Each structure stands twice: as structure tokens, then as C-alpha cells.
Amino acid sequence: MIVGGDHQTLALLLFSAFVAATLAITTWVSRNRHGSAEEFYTGGRLFSPLENGFAIAGDYMSAASFLGISGLIALFGYDGMLYSVGFLVAWLVVLFLVAELVRNCGKFTLADVVAARMSERPVRIAAGTSSVTVSVLYLVAQMVGAGSLVALLLGGTSDAARNWTVIGVGALMVVYVSLGGMRATTWIQIVKAVLLMAGTITLTVLVLLRFHGNINALLDSAADHSGHGREFLAPGLKYGGDWTARFDFISLGLALVLGTAGLPHILSRFYTVPTARAARRSVVWSIGLIGGFYLMTIVLGFGAAALVGSAEVKASNPAGNTAVALLAYDLGGGAGSTGGTVLFAVVAAVAFATILAVVAGITLASSASVAHDLYASLRRRHAKQRSEVAVARVASVGIGAVAIGLGLLARDLNVAFLVGLAFAVAASANLPVLLYSLFWRNFTTRGAVWSVYGGLVPALVLVLVSPVVSGSPESLFPGVDFQFFPLQNPGLVSIPLGFLAGWLGTVTSREVPDEVGYAEAEVRALTGAGAV
């Protein structure tokens, strides 16, 4: 599909308006901050549950959700819905297991929770390394989404434009984080959440109106235009068939459901509210927003298959990342129509806003891990709060550069699929150590370090030797073949290994568990007494 000049002009104007508004927010916030670590990392803990709930939703509803999930549903039907269901169910794990406890036990990062009753330096280095790794993987997905969007806007012919878009997004996220910190990032995410929900509701209503509210007619039309017939509406189109595909389905499901509770940029949001009760209420608000959003992505995915056709979606972008944009073009009236031009431009601008807001949140969380965990653990005696904040700002530049490079490399992969890999690493490395720290009295420093590396290293190695990197036409390096792990998502193997390594490290350790420290941490976690 070649997008006309009117689409380009209007979409670029809307892009520019959002960027200008967010830069204005960042500039205003940077003039009203006092430069402390608490201000930079948590925004002074002054946000209400409603504000933080919108910000969490804005952080979570990423390009993977808006672009990737709808694209997978448009291409694979029923099997694509696994992402919508998995992302939503994951919030129940967050609500019941970690939200309130993390808010009570920590200060700025995941490592604060884990290191509370252990030898700080090795635990902080391990947790910080894992958090940065997960954040970079998540950032890559957002970069790929930005590149796909602009490639469609410019007719899909300009690799240079796609590359410069990725670089521009990386530069903007560094500006947001280094100047505005958590306060600016939060307000950007709130604005983005409102825009995204408004855009998604509009598209969903238009799709349902096209089929007169008849869901069966929508599904029948999607099946007819998918090229797969009734198989499009049944399990197995993507994850059926041989045992490898079935295990991949289980692996992905585990990663999606368990990974959210280990995402650094989600955990850090619980520290921006004044109390644990506020953190819990924030999650309730976010579940309502996120639940409604993911239900609507299902309508958009099947709507794209029904109205645009799976073949045209795949022709525009093999990974399906442009399905929602093509759907908006059709709903607005099609080729050459004013409605199509406006609706396409609005959706493109909302998607771009989504990407900018999410990368800002992830960059802030990862730069906080570098400064507060890695740098401060190595130079704790000499590190003052202002110097730690300065390191975080510098770290945001380095993390942005790495994410840009990997985003250019992975530009042809589906963004939801890339996020699935990040979730697998988070569930393998961060979740085991977090749960052990909160609930196991005898957990030791060795167990914590082994748990992190025992999940992180296998997850990364298995991805490197999987079909994601080599051995298939859809791989990052399709011309070579060094894959021997058959699954595309490593969660089925790496998540149990993370838990096993933590248990093994603890039972083989000679360290005497800190009973007093655990008792204090347990009281603080359950009651909030003594929490920051």
C-alpha cells in the first residue's frame, strides 16, 4: 500500500504536535524539580492511584499491544489472541502477589527488594544486570514498531526513513528521561493512555458498526478473507501441528502470564505513589483500562482480517505490524477519501505516541538500575544522590544507543513476538528471585545471585540458538543456521531453571539466613510499617 501525500502531511503534523506537547511537559517539569534521587526515580511519590493507574496502563499498552497483537490476530486468528489473554491475565499475578509487597519493601528498583536482607553488592549487580537486559529487549520491540509505522506512512519503500525514525525515537526518549525523570515520564504516559484508549474505542465502534454489531458476521467475514477458511477461527493455525509448535504455545503462555511481574518499568511504577494501598488501587485502575483495551484489540485484529484481508496485511508488513493502520484507512472510506486520510493519520499518530511514552518509561527504569544498583553498589561510600542521578542520565544515553542498534537489526520481526521474548527473560531472571525474597525465610545471597543468572543466561542462550536468530526465512540472520533449540520462546525451559537455580544456590550455601532481617521485611511487606 502506498500512502498518499495527504496522509503523510497530516500524520507528520500530528506526530509533531504530540512531540511538541511532550517536550513542553518535560521542559516544565525540569524547571520544577530539585534534583534528588527520589524526585528523579519516583516523581516524589506524589501521584494519586488514578493518575498512577493511567500511567501504568500507558506504560503497559505498548506498540506490541496496539500494533503487534492486532497484526497477529489478523494473520493467525484464534492463535493470535493468546497475546491478548496472556497480557491481561498477567495483571492478576501482579495484583495478588507483588504490587503491595514491592511497594512496602523497596525504594526505587527491584534490587532494593531483593537486597534488603542479603549481601548487597552481588545481589544488586545481578538484579541490575537482569533489569537492564529485559529493558533493552523491550525497547527493541518499540523501535521496530516505530520503524514499521513510518515505513507504511512513506509507502514502505524507504529503509533510510525507517532507520532515521528509530534513531529519532531513541533520541527523544533520552531527552524525556534525562531532563524530566519520572514526573515527566508519568504525565507523558497519562496523556498517551488517554489518546490510545480514545483511538482504540473509535476504531472498535467503527468496526462493529460496519457489521451492525453482529460479532458472528465479523468472525465469518474474517475467516472468509483470511485465506484459511474456518481454520482461522480454531486453535492451531500458528501453534498447532507438531510437538514443537505446541510446546512453543505453552512456553509463550508461561512467559506472558509470569513475565509482567518481573518487568522493571512496571515494578518501578509502584514506588510513585505514597502508600501500598495506593499501589494496590493503582493496579485495580490499570486492570480496568488494560482489560478493556485488550478486548478491543481482538475486535481490531479480526476487523483487519475481515475488511483489509490477511494477504494485504502480510503484503504491507510480513509480521503484521501495520494491520491497525490499514484497518483505519479502510474504515475511514478507503483510498483517496478524506475520512481515510484523517483516521489513518490519527491512528498513526496515536501509535507513535504510544511508542514514545513506553520507551521513556523503560529507559527510565533501566537507567535507574544502572545508577542505583550497578554504579551505586560499586561506589556506595562515595556516591551522593546528585551524582547517582547524573549517572542515570548518562546511562539513558548508552541504553538508547544499544536499543537503536538492535532495533535496526530486528526491524522485520513482529513487535508482539519481540515483547514475548522480553517477558520470557523477565519471568526467568526477575520473578524467581523476587518471589523467593518475599516468601522464603531461608533464602540466601547465593540463592539470589544464582536465581538471577540461572534464569537470565539460559534464556538469552536459548534465544541465540533458536529459530529467532538463525535457521529459518523469518530469522534475524536467515542466511546462516546455528540453531538447535527448536522453540522460539525459551520460557518453558528457562523459567523453571531460574527457580531451580535459586533453590539450589540456597540449599548449598553455608550462609546463615538472616532471621531477624526476614521478620522485619515480612512485617514491612504485610503492614507497610517502616516503608519508605
Protein backbone atom coordinates (compact mmCIF):
# COMPACT_ATOMS: atom_id res chain seq x y z
CA MET A 1 0.00 0.00 0.00
CA ILE A 2 1.37 3.42 -0.95
CA VAL A 3 0.21 6.16 1.36
CA GLY A 4 -0.63 9.46 -0.27
CA GLY A 5 0.84 12.86 0.44
CA ASP A 6 -2.20 13.99 2.44
CA HIS A 7 -1.76 11.05 4.81
CA GLN A 8 1.90 11.85 5.24
CA THR A 9 1.38 15.54 5.86
CA LEU A 10 -1.45 15.14 8.36
CA ALA A 11 0.20 12.28 10.23
CA LEU A 12 3.50 14.15 10.45
CA LEU A 13 1.68 17.22 11.75
CA LEU A 14 0.03 15.12 14.47
CA PHE A 15 3.38 13.46 15.26
CA SER A 16 4.91 16.88 15.64
CA ALA A 17 2.06 18.13 17.84
CA PHE A 18 2.46 15.23 20.26
CA VAL A 19 6.24 15.56 20.35
CA ALA A 20 5.94 19.30 20.98
CA ALA A 21 3.42 18.74 23.78
CA THR A 22 5.54 16.10 25.48
CA LEU A 23 8.69 18.17 25.17
CA ALA A 24 6.78 21.09 26.73
CA ILE A 25 5.79 18.82 29.65
CA THR A 26 9.40 17.70 30.05
CA THR A 27 10.69 21.27 29.97
CA TRP A 28 8.13 22.42 32.53
CA VAL A 29 8.92 19.55 34.86
CA SER A 30 12.68 20.06 34.54
CA ARG A 31 12.25 23.62 35.85
CA ASN A 32 10.31 22.44 38.89
CA ARG A 33 12.50 19.67 40.25
CA HIS A 34 15.10 19.67 42.99
CA GLY A 35 17.39 17.02 41.53
CA SER A 36 17.16 14.36 44.26
CA ALA A 37 17.18 10.65 43.50
CA GLU A 38 13.66 10.28 44.90
CA GLU A 39 12.38 13.02 42.58
CA PHE A 40 14.15 11.57 39.54
CA TYR A 41 13.19 7.91 40.13
CA THR A 42 9.70 8.25 41.67
CA GLY A 43 8.45 11.78 40.97
CA GLY A 44 8.41 12.48 44.71
CA ARG A 45 5.82 9.68 45.31
CA LEU A 46 3.07 12.26 44.80
CA PHE A 47 0.83 10.60 42.20
CA SER A 48 -2.70 9.51 43.07
CA PRO A 49 -3.92 5.95 42.41
CA LEU A 50 -5.97 7.16 39.45
CA GLU A 51 -3.04 9.02 37.90
CA ASN A 52 -0.69 6.12 38.52
CA GLY A 53 -3.26 3.65 37.19
CA PHE A 54 -3.42 5.57 33.92
CA ALA A 55 0.37 5.78 33.85
CA ILE A 56 0.75 2.03 34.43
CA ALA A 57 -1.74 1.38 31.64
CA GLY A 58 0.18 3.79 29.44
CA ASP A 59 3.42 2.00 30.28
CA TYR A 60 1.95 -1.43 29.59
CA MET A 61 -0.14 -0.80 26.45
CA SER A 62 2.82 -0.63 24.13
CA ALA A 63 3.41 -0.89 20.40
CA ALA A 64 3.35 -4.65 20.91
CA SER A 65 -0.25 -4.37 22.08
CA PHE A 66 -1.61 -1.82 19.64
CA LEU A 67 0.29 -2.88 16.52
CA GLY A 68 1.65 -6.37 17.14
CA ILE A 69 -1.27 -8.20 18.75
CA SER A 70 -3.82 -6.91 16.24
CA GLY A 71 -1.44 -7.92 13.46
CA LEU A 72 -1.01 -11.45 14.81
CA ILE A 73 -4.78 -11.88 15.13
CA ALA A 74 -5.22 -10.57 11.58
CA LEU A 75 -2.71 -13.15 10.32
CA PHE A 76 -3.36 -16.15 12.59
CA GLY A 77 -6.83 -15.63 14.03
CA TYR A 78 -7.52 -17.59 17.22
CA ASP A 79 -3.86 -18.28 17.97
CA GLY A 80 -3.05 -14.57 17.84
CA MET A 81 -5.46 -13.97 20.73
CA LEU A 82 -3.04 -15.74 23.10
CA TYR A 83 -1.15 -12.46 23.49
CA SER A 84 -4.28 -10.51 24.45
CA VAL A 85 -5.32 -13.11 27.00
CA GLY A 86 -1.81 -13.59 28.37
CA PHE A 87 -1.09 -9.89 28.85
CA LEU A 88 -4.39 -9.39 30.66
CA VAL A 89 -4.21 -12.46 32.94
CA ALA A 90 -0.68 -11.43 33.93
CA TRP A 91 -2.11 -8.50 35.87
CA LEU A 92 -3.81 -10.84 38.32
CA VAL A 93 -0.35 -12.17 39.24
CA VAL A 94 0.86 -8.60 39.74
CA LEU A 95 -2.16 -7.61 41.82
CA PHE A 96 -2.22 -10.59 44.17
CA LEU A 97 1.48 -11.41 44.50
CA VAL A 98 3.74 -8.40 44.14
CA ALA A 99 2.15 -4.92 43.88
CA GLU A 100 1.60 -4.12 47.56
CA LEU A 101 4.60 -6.10 48.82
CA VAL A 102 7.02 -4.49 46.38
CA ARG A 103 5.79 -1.01 47.31
CA ASN A 104 6.36 -1.72 51.01
CA CYS A 105 9.75 -3.43 50.69
CA GLY A 106 11.52 -1.37 48.04
CA LYS A 107 12.64 2.15 47.40
CA PHE A 108 13.44 2.64 43.71
CA THR A 109 14.23 -0.67 41.96
CA LEU A 110 13.75 -4.44 42.04
CA ALA A 111 17.17 -4.87 43.65
CA ASP A 112 16.03 -2.86 46.69
CA VAL A 113 13.52 -5.60 47.49
CA VAL A 114 15.93 -8.48 46.97
CA ALA A 115 18.98 -6.97 48.70
CA ALA A 116 17.15 -5.86 51.85
CA ARG A 117 18.38 -8.80 53.95
CA MET A 118 21.37 -10.03 51.94
CA SER A 119 24.86 -9.04 50.90
CA GLU A 120 24.01 -6.03 48.76
CA ARG A 121 26.79 -5.80 46.21
CA PRO A 122 26.49 -9.18 44.38
CA VAL A 123 22.70 -9.10 44.55
CA ARG A 124 22.46 -5.56 43.18
CA ILE A 125 24.88 -6.30 40.36
CA ALA A 126 22.91 -9.41 39.37
CA ALA A 127 19.47 -7.78 39.62
CA GLY A 128 20.69 -4.61 37.88
CA THR A 129 22.18 -6.57 35.00
CA SER A 130 18.98 -8.55 34.55
CA SER A 131 16.79 -5.44 34.67
CA VAL A 132 18.85 -3.65 32.03
CA THR A 133 18.77 -6.72 29.77
CA VAL A 134 15.00 -7.06 29.99
CA SER A 135 14.54 -3.33 29.40
CA VAL A 136 16.72 -3.32 26.28
CA LEU A 137 14.82 -6.28 24.80
CA TYR A 138 11.53 -4.46 25.45
CA LEU A 139 12.90 -1.28 23.90
CA VAL A 140 13.84 -3.11 20.70
CA ALA A 141 10.19 -4.03 20.14
CA GLN A 142 9.14 -0.38 20.41
CA MET A 143 11.84 0.67 17.94
CA VAL A 144 10.69 -1.95 15.44
CA GLY A 145 7.11 -0.70 15.81
CA ALA A 146 8.18 2.87 15.10
CA GLY A 147 10.11 1.82 12.00
CA SER A 148 7.20 -0.24 10.64
CA LEU A 149 4.76 2.61 11.14
CA VAL A 150 6.86 5.17 9.31
CA ALA A 151 7.72 2.71 6.55
CA LEU A 152 3.99 2.32 5.89
CA LEU A 153 3.47 6.07 6.04
CA LEU A 154 6.15 6.58 3.39
CA GLY A 155 4.95 3.77 1.17
CA GLY A 156 7.15 1.02 2.59
CA THR A 157 10.00 1.90 0.23
CA SER A 158 12.37 3.93 2.35
CA ASP A 159 14.73 1.94 4.58
CA ALA A 160 16.59 5.16 5.30
CA ALA A 161 13.42 6.79 6.65
CA ARG A 162 12.74 3.76 8.82
CA ASN A 163 16.28 3.83 10.19
CA TRP A 164 16.18 7.55 10.92
CA THR A 165 12.84 7.09 12.69
CA VAL A 166 14.37 4.53 15.03
CA ILE A 167 17.24 6.90 15.73
CA GLY A 168 14.85 9.81 16.32
CA VAL A 169 12.73 7.82 18.78
CA GLY A 170 15.88 6.85 20.65
CA ALA A 171 16.99 10.47 20.85
CA LEU A 172 13.60 11.65 22.12
CA MET A 173 13.45 9.04 24.86
CA VAL A 174 16.87 10.14 26.11
CA VAL A 175 15.64 13.75 26.28
CA TYR A 176 12.47 12.79 28.17
CA VAL A 177 14.34 10.76 30.77
CA SER A 178 17.44 12.86 31.27
CA LEU A 179 15.54 16.14 31.65
CA GLY A 180 12.21 15.20 33.18
CA GLY A 181 12.76 11.98 35.13
CA MET A 182 9.76 10.08 36.49
CA ARG A 183 7.46 13.09 36.80
CA ALA A 184 7.64 13.98 33.10
CA THR A 185 7.56 10.33 32.05
CA THR A 186 4.41 9.72 34.10
CA TRP A 187 2.49 12.63 32.61
CA ILE A 188 3.55 11.62 29.10
CA GLN A 189 2.19 8.13 29.79
CA ILE A 190 -1.09 9.50 31.15
CA VAL A 191 -1.62 11.63 28.02
CA LYS A 192 -0.69 8.70 25.83
CA ALA A 193 -3.08 6.33 27.67
CA VAL A 194 -5.99 8.73 27.12
CA LEU A 195 -5.15 9.12 23.42
CA LEU A 196 -4.70 5.38 22.91
CA MET A 197 -7.96 4.45 24.61
CA ALA A 198 -9.84 7.11 22.62
CA GLY A 199 -8.35 5.90 19.34
CA THR A 200 -8.96 2.23 20.11
CA ILE A 201 -12.56 2.83 21.18
CA THR A 202 -13.20 4.81 17.97
CA LEU A 203 -11.85 2.05 15.74
CA THR A 204 -13.70 -0.67 17.66
CA VAL A 205 -17.03 1.16 17.38
CA LEU A 206 -16.48 1.70 13.65
CA VAL A 207 -15.69 -1.99 13.10
CA LEU A 208 -18.80 -3.08 15.00
CA LEU A 209 -20.95 -0.53 13.14
CA ARG A 210 -19.68 -1.90 9.82
CA PHE A 211 -21.09 -5.30 10.82
CA HIS A 212 -24.17 -3.82 12.56
CA GLY A 213 -22.97 -5.12 15.91
CA ASN A 214 -23.08 -8.73 14.71
CA ILE A 215 -19.96 -10.47 16.07
CA ASN A 216 -20.72 -13.68 14.17
CA ALA A 217 -20.79 -11.76 10.89
CA LEU A 218 -17.44 -10.19 11.78
CA LEU A 219 -15.84 -13.57 12.51
CA ASP A 220 -17.33 -15.19 9.40
CA SER A 221 -16.04 -12.38 7.22
CA ALA A 222 -12.60 -12.58 8.85
CA ALA A 223 -12.45 -16.31 8.13
CA ASP A 224 -13.54 -15.79 4.51
CA HIS A 225 -10.88 -13.12 3.88
CA SER A 226 -8.07 -14.80 5.79
CA GLY A 227 -7.19 -17.39 3.20
CA HIS A 228 -7.54 -20.16 5.81
CA GLY A 229 -11.30 -20.59 5.99
CA ARG A 230 -12.79 -21.91 9.22
CA GLU A 231 -9.33 -22.93 10.47
CA PHE A 232 -8.74 -19.23 11.10
CA LEU A 233 -11.22 -19.34 13.99
CA ALA A 234 -9.88 -22.55 15.54
CA PRO A 235 -6.72 -23.25 17.57
CA GLY A 236 -3.64 -24.49 15.79
CA LEU A 237 -3.04 -22.19 12.83
CA LYS A 238 0.22 -20.89 14.31
CA TYR A 239 0.78 -23.11 17.35
CA GLY A 240 -0.80 -26.36 16.16
CA GLY A 241 0.59 -29.29 14.30
CA ASP A 242 3.80 -30.85 15.57
CA TRP A 243 5.02 -31.05 19.18
CA THR A 244 7.40 -28.13 18.69
CA ALA A 245 4.58 -25.70 17.95
CA ARG A 246 2.53 -26.99 20.88
CA PHE A 247 5.40 -26.58 23.31
CA ASP A 248 6.03 -23.11 21.87
CA PHE A 249 2.42 -22.28 22.72
CA ILE A 250 2.90 -23.39 26.34
CA SER A 251 6.23 -21.57 26.57
CA LEU A 252 4.76 -18.32 25.30
CA GLY A 253 1.78 -18.57 27.64
CA LEU A 254 4.05 -19.03 30.67
CA ALA A 255 6.20 -16.10 29.63
CA LEU A 256 3.27 -13.74 29.11
CA VAL A 257 1.45 -14.62 32.35
CA LEU A 258 4.54 -14.63 34.60
CA GLY A 259 6.69 -12.02 32.88
CA THR A 260 4.75 -8.88 33.80
CA ALA A 261 5.59 -9.27 37.50
CA GLY A 262 9.28 -9.16 36.59
CA LEU A 263 9.26 -6.14 34.27
CA PRO A 264 11.43 -3.37 35.80
CA HIS A 265 9.47 -0.46 34.33
CA ILE A 266 6.20 -1.87 35.73
CA LEU A 267 7.63 -2.58 39.19
CA SER A 268 9.11 0.92 39.40
CA ARG A 269 5.63 2.44 38.98
CA PHE A 270 4.59 1.12 42.40
CA TYR A 271 7.09 3.48 44.03
CA THR A 272 5.48 6.62 42.59
CA VAL A 273 2.50 6.52 44.99
CA PRO A 274 2.65 7.37 48.71
CA THR A 275 1.36 4.09 50.20
CA ALA A 276 0.95 0.39 49.48
CA ARG A 277 -2.84 0.82 49.47
CA ALA A 278 -2.44 3.41 46.74
CA ALA A 279 -0.24 0.96 44.80
CA ARG A 280 -2.93 -1.72 45.02
CA ARG A 281 -5.63 0.73 43.92
CA SER A 282 -3.39 1.80 41.03
CA VAL A 283 -3.29 -1.78 39.80
CA VAL A 284 -7.09 -2.04 40.03
CA TRP A 285 -7.47 1.11 37.89
CA SER A 286 -4.91 -0.18 35.40
CA ILE A 287 -6.61 -3.60 35.15
CA GLY A 288 -9.86 -1.91 34.15
CA LEU A 289 -8.16 0.14 31.44
CA ILE A 290 -5.93 -2.66 30.20
CA GLY A 291 -8.74 -5.21 30.21
CA GLY A 292 -10.95 -3.04 28.08
CA PHE A 293 -8.09 -2.29 25.73
CA TYR A 294 -7.14 -5.93 25.11
CA LEU A 295 -10.74 -6.90 24.46
CA MET A 296 -10.81 -4.21 21.79
CA THR A 297 -7.56 -5.43 20.18
CA ILE A 298 -9.36 -8.71 19.46
CA VAL A 299 -12.07 -6.81 17.57
CA LEU A 300 -9.43 -4.81 15.69
CA GLY A 301 -7.46 -7.92 14.72
CA PHE A 302 -10.46 -9.76 13.32
CA GLY A 303 -11.68 -6.50 11.81
CA ALA A 304 -8.42 -6.11 9.91
CA ALA A 305 -8.71 -9.66 8.60
CA ALA A 306 -12.32 -9.10 7.56
CA LEU A 307 -12.04 -5.66 5.97
CA VAL A 308 -8.43 -5.48 4.77
CA GLY A 309 -7.68 -9.17 4.31
CA SER A 310 -4.83 -11.19 5.75
CA ALA A 311 -3.00 -11.24 2.43
CA GLU A 312 -2.89 -7.44 2.15
CA VAL A 313 -1.83 -7.11 5.79
CA LYS A 314 1.04 -9.51 5.19
CA ALA A 315 1.98 -7.80 1.93
CA SER A 316 2.25 -4.46 3.72
CA ASN A 317 4.34 -5.89 6.55
CA PRO A 318 5.19 -9.62 6.77
CA ALA A 319 4.96 -9.53 10.58
CA GLY A 320 1.53 -7.83 10.55
CA ASN A 321 2.66 -4.70 12.40
CA THR A 322 0.65 -2.37 10.13
CA ALA A 323 -2.75 -4.12 10.38
CA VAL A 324 -4.37 -1.43 12.57
CA ALA A 325 -3.17 1.40 10.34
CA LEU A 326 -4.57 -0.35 7.25
CA LEU A 327 -7.82 -1.01 9.08
CA ALA A 328 -8.15 2.68 9.95
CA TYR A 329 -7.58 3.61 6.31
CA ASP A 330 -10.39 1.29 5.23
CA LEU A 331 -12.81 2.34 7.97
CA GLY A 332 -12.35 5.99 7.06
CA GLY A 333 -13.51 5.44 3.49
CA GLY A 334 -10.61 3.83 1.69
CA ALA A 335 -8.27 5.13 -0.99
CA GLY A 336 -8.43 8.84 -1.68
CA SER A 337 -11.12 9.61 0.89
CA THR A 338 -10.86 12.45 3.38
CA GLY A 339 -12.10 10.18 6.18
CA GLY A 340 -9.48 7.58 5.38
CA THR A 341 -6.77 10.22 5.38
CA VAL A 342 -7.82 11.65 8.74
CA LEU A 343 -8.41 8.34 10.50
CA PHE A 344 -5.17 6.82 9.22
CA ALA A 345 -3.22 9.89 10.34
CA VAL A 346 -4.83 9.87 13.79
CA VAL A 347 -4.11 6.17 14.32
CA ALA A 348 -0.54 6.57 13.11
CA ALA A 349 -0.02 9.50 15.49
CA VAL A 350 -1.54 7.58 18.43
CA ALA A 351 0.70 4.60 17.70
CA PHE A 352 3.71 6.88 17.53
CA ALA A 353 2.70 8.49 20.82
CA THR A 354 2.38 5.01 22.31
CA ILE A 355 5.91 4.15 21.30
CA LEU A 356 7.42 7.38 22.64
CA ALA A 357 5.69 7.07 26.02
CA VAL A 358 6.62 3.43 26.54
CA VAL A 359 10.27 3.86 25.58
CA ALA A 360 10.53 6.74 28.04
CA GLY A 361 9.26 4.56 30.89
CA ILE A 362 11.52 1.64 30.02
CA THR A 363 14.58 3.86 29.61
CA LEU A 364 13.97 5.46 32.99
CA ALA A 365 13.69 2.07 34.72
CA SER A 366 16.83 0.71 33.07
CA SER A 367 18.90 3.85 33.71
CA ALA A 368 17.77 3.72 37.36
CA SER A 369 19.06 0.14 37.56
CA VAL A 370 22.41 1.19 36.12
CA ALA A 371 22.82 4.11 38.51
CA HIS A 372 21.11 2.91 41.69
CA ASP A 373 22.15 -0.75 41.51
CA LEU A 374 25.29 -1.16 39.40
CA TYR A 375 27.06 2.19 39.92
CA ALA A 376 25.97 2.81 43.49
CA SER A 377 26.81 -0.74 44.58
CA LEU A 378 30.37 -0.32 43.31
CA ARG A 379 30.88 3.15 44.77
CA ARG A 380 28.37 3.31 47.58
CA ARG A 381 30.62 5.19 50.03
CA HIS A 382 31.35 7.96 47.57
CA ALA A 383 28.08 8.14 45.64
CA LYS A 384 25.89 11.08 46.55
CA GLN A 385 22.32 11.39 45.39
CA ARG A 386 23.09 14.01 42.78
CA SER A 387 25.99 12.01 41.34
CA GLU A 388 23.73 8.94 41.12
CA VAL A 389 21.14 10.94 39.17
CA ALA A 390 23.87 12.21 36.85
CA VAL A 391 24.94 8.62 36.18
CA ALA A 392 21.33 7.69 35.42
CA ARG A 393 21.14 10.45 32.82
CA VAL A 394 24.34 9.27 31.16
CA ALA A 395 23.13 5.67 31.30
CA SER A 396 19.96 6.62 29.43
CA VAL A 397 22.14 7.70 26.50
CA GLY A 398 24.04 4.41 26.41
CA ILE A 399 20.88 2.31 26.74
CA GLY A 400 19.24 4.33 23.98
CA ALA A 401 22.20 3.69 21.67
CA VAL A 402 22.09 -0.07 22.27
CA ALA A 403 18.32 -0.18 21.72
CA ILE A 404 18.66 1.76 18.46
CA GLY A 405 21.26 -0.67 17.13
CA LEU A 406 19.23 -3.77 17.99
CA GLY A 407 16.04 -2.13 16.71
CA LEU A 408 17.62 -1.63 13.30
CA LEU A 409 18.74 -5.27 13.28
CA ALA A 410 15.33 -6.74 14.25
CA ARG A 411 13.16 -4.47 12.10
CA ASP A 412 11.35 -7.32 10.27
CA LEU A 413 10.11 -9.19 13.37
CA ASN A 414 6.64 -8.83 14.89
CA VAL A 415 6.69 -6.43 17.84
CA ALA A 416 4.40 -8.59 19.99
CA PHE A 417 6.69 -11.55 19.38
CA LEU A 418 9.73 -9.48 20.44
CA VAL A 419 7.97 -8.44 23.63
CA GLY A 420 7.20 -12.10 24.29
CA LEU A 421 10.97 -12.71 24.40
CA ALA A 422 11.42 -9.85 26.88
CA PHE A 423 8.66 -11.30 29.04
CA ALA A 424 10.37 -14.70 28.98
CA VAL A 425 13.64 -13.21 30.21
CA ALA A 426 11.82 -11.22 32.93
CA ALA A 427 9.93 -14.31 34.11
CA SER A 428 13.14 -16.37 34.10
CA ALA A 429 15.52 -13.96 35.84
CA ASN A 430 13.50 -11.44 37.86
CA LEU A 431 10.36 -13.24 39.01
CA PRO A 432 12.02 -16.21 40.80
CA VAL A 433 14.35 -14.02 42.85
CA LEU A 434 11.52 -11.62 43.68
CA LEU A 435 9.15 -14.34 44.90
CA TYR A 436 11.87 -16.15 46.85
CA SER A 437 12.89 -12.89 48.55
CA LEU A 438 9.33 -12.09 49.56
CA PHE A 439 8.16 -15.52 50.65
CA TRP A 440 11.13 -17.80 51.55
CA ARG A 441 12.56 -17.26 55.01
CA ASN A 442 15.79 -19.20 54.35
CA PHE A 443 16.66 -17.54 51.03
CA THR A 444 20.34 -16.53 50.86
CA THR A 445 22.63 -14.27 48.88
CA ARG A 446 23.98 -17.17 46.84
CA GLY A 447 20.44 -18.29 46.07
CA ALA A 448 19.54 -14.77 44.90
CA VAL A 449 22.55 -14.46 42.59
CA TRP A 450 22.15 -17.98 41.22
CA SER A 451 18.44 -17.42 40.67
CA VAL A 452 19.03 -14.32 38.55
CA TYR A 453 21.86 -15.71 36.44
CA GLY A 454 20.32 -19.19 36.36
CA GLY A 455 17.32 -17.75 34.55
CA LEU A 456 18.95 -14.93 32.61
CA VAL A 457 21.81 -16.81 30.96
CA PRO A 458 19.78 -19.84 29.75
CA ALA A 459 17.03 -17.54 28.41
CA LEU A 460 19.49 -15.49 26.37
CA VAL A 461 21.48 -18.50 25.16
CA LEU A 462 18.36 -20.38 24.11
CA VAL A 463 17.15 -17.37 22.13
CA LEU A 464 20.53 -17.13 20.37
CA VAL A 465 20.39 -20.79 19.29
CA SER A 466 16.68 -20.73 18.41
CA PRO A 467 14.90 -20.13 15.08
CA VAL A 468 14.55 -16.48 16.11
CA VAL A 469 18.19 -15.80 15.25
CA SER A 470 19.04 -18.31 12.51
CA GLY A 471 17.83 -21.30 10.57
CA SER A 472 14.58 -20.02 9.02
CA PRO A 473 13.49 -17.41 6.45
CA GLU A 474 11.99 -15.26 9.26
CA SER A 475 15.17 -15.27 11.38
CA LEU A 476 17.37 -12.28 12.12
CA PHE A 477 20.10 -13.98 10.06
CA PRO A 478 18.24 -16.14 7.52
CA GLY A 479 21.41 -16.94 5.58
CA VAL A 480 23.03 -18.96 8.38
CA ASP A 481 21.92 -21.86 10.53
CA PHE A 482 23.32 -22.47 14.01
CA GLN A 483 20.03 -23.12 15.80
CA PHE A 484 19.49 -26.34 17.72
CA PHE A 485 16.84 -25.24 20.28
CA PRO A 486 13.53 -25.75 18.44
CA LEU A 487 11.29 -23.33 20.39
CA GLN A 488 11.00 -19.66 19.54
CA ASN A 489 10.25 -18.67 23.14
CA PRO A 490 12.59 -20.04 25.85
CA GLY A 491 10.20 -19.63 28.80
CA LEU A 492 9.25 -23.30 29.13
CA VAL A 493 12.88 -24.18 29.91
CA SER A 494 14.41 -21.00 31.33
CA ILE A 495 11.67 -20.13 33.86
CA PRO A 496 11.95 -23.45 35.77
CA LEU A 497 15.73 -23.14 35.59
CA GLY A 498 15.56 -19.74 37.33
CA PHE A 499 13.52 -21.19 40.20
CA LEU A 500 15.72 -24.31 40.36
CA ALA A 501 18.94 -22.29 40.44
CA GLY A 502 17.63 -20.14 43.29
CA TRP A 503 16.68 -23.21 45.34
CA LEU A 504 19.96 -24.97 44.60
CA GLY A 505 22.05 -21.92 45.47
CA THR A 506 20.24 -21.55 48.79
CA VAL A 507 20.42 -25.19 49.93
CA THR A 508 24.14 -25.43 49.07
CA SER A 509 25.02 -22.12 50.75
CA ARG A 510 26.75 -22.02 54.15
CA GLU A 511 25.33 -18.58 54.80
CA VAL A 512 23.19 -18.35 57.94
CA PRO A 513 19.79 -16.93 56.92
CA ASP A 514 19.03 -13.53 58.41
CA GLU A 515 16.00 -14.47 60.51
CA VAL A 516 15.71 -11.02 62.06
CA GLY A 517 16.03 -9.32 58.67
CA TYR A 518 13.34 -11.57 57.21
CA ALA A 519 11.00 -10.93 60.12
CA GLU A 520 11.43 -7.19 59.70
CA ALA A 521 10.94 -7.43 55.93
CA GLU A 522 7.84 -9.59 56.40
CA VAL A 523 6.25 -7.11 58.78
CA ARG A 524 7.09 -4.21 56.46
CA ALA A 525 5.77 -6.09 53.41
CA LEU A 526 2.47 -7.04 55.01
CA THR A 527 1.73 -3.92 57.04
CA GLY A 528 3.74 -1.10 55.44
CA ALA A 529 5.36 -0.26 58.79
CA GLY A 530 8.72 1.34 58.13
CA ALA A 531 8.18 1.56 54.37
CA VAL A 532 9.72 4.49 52.54
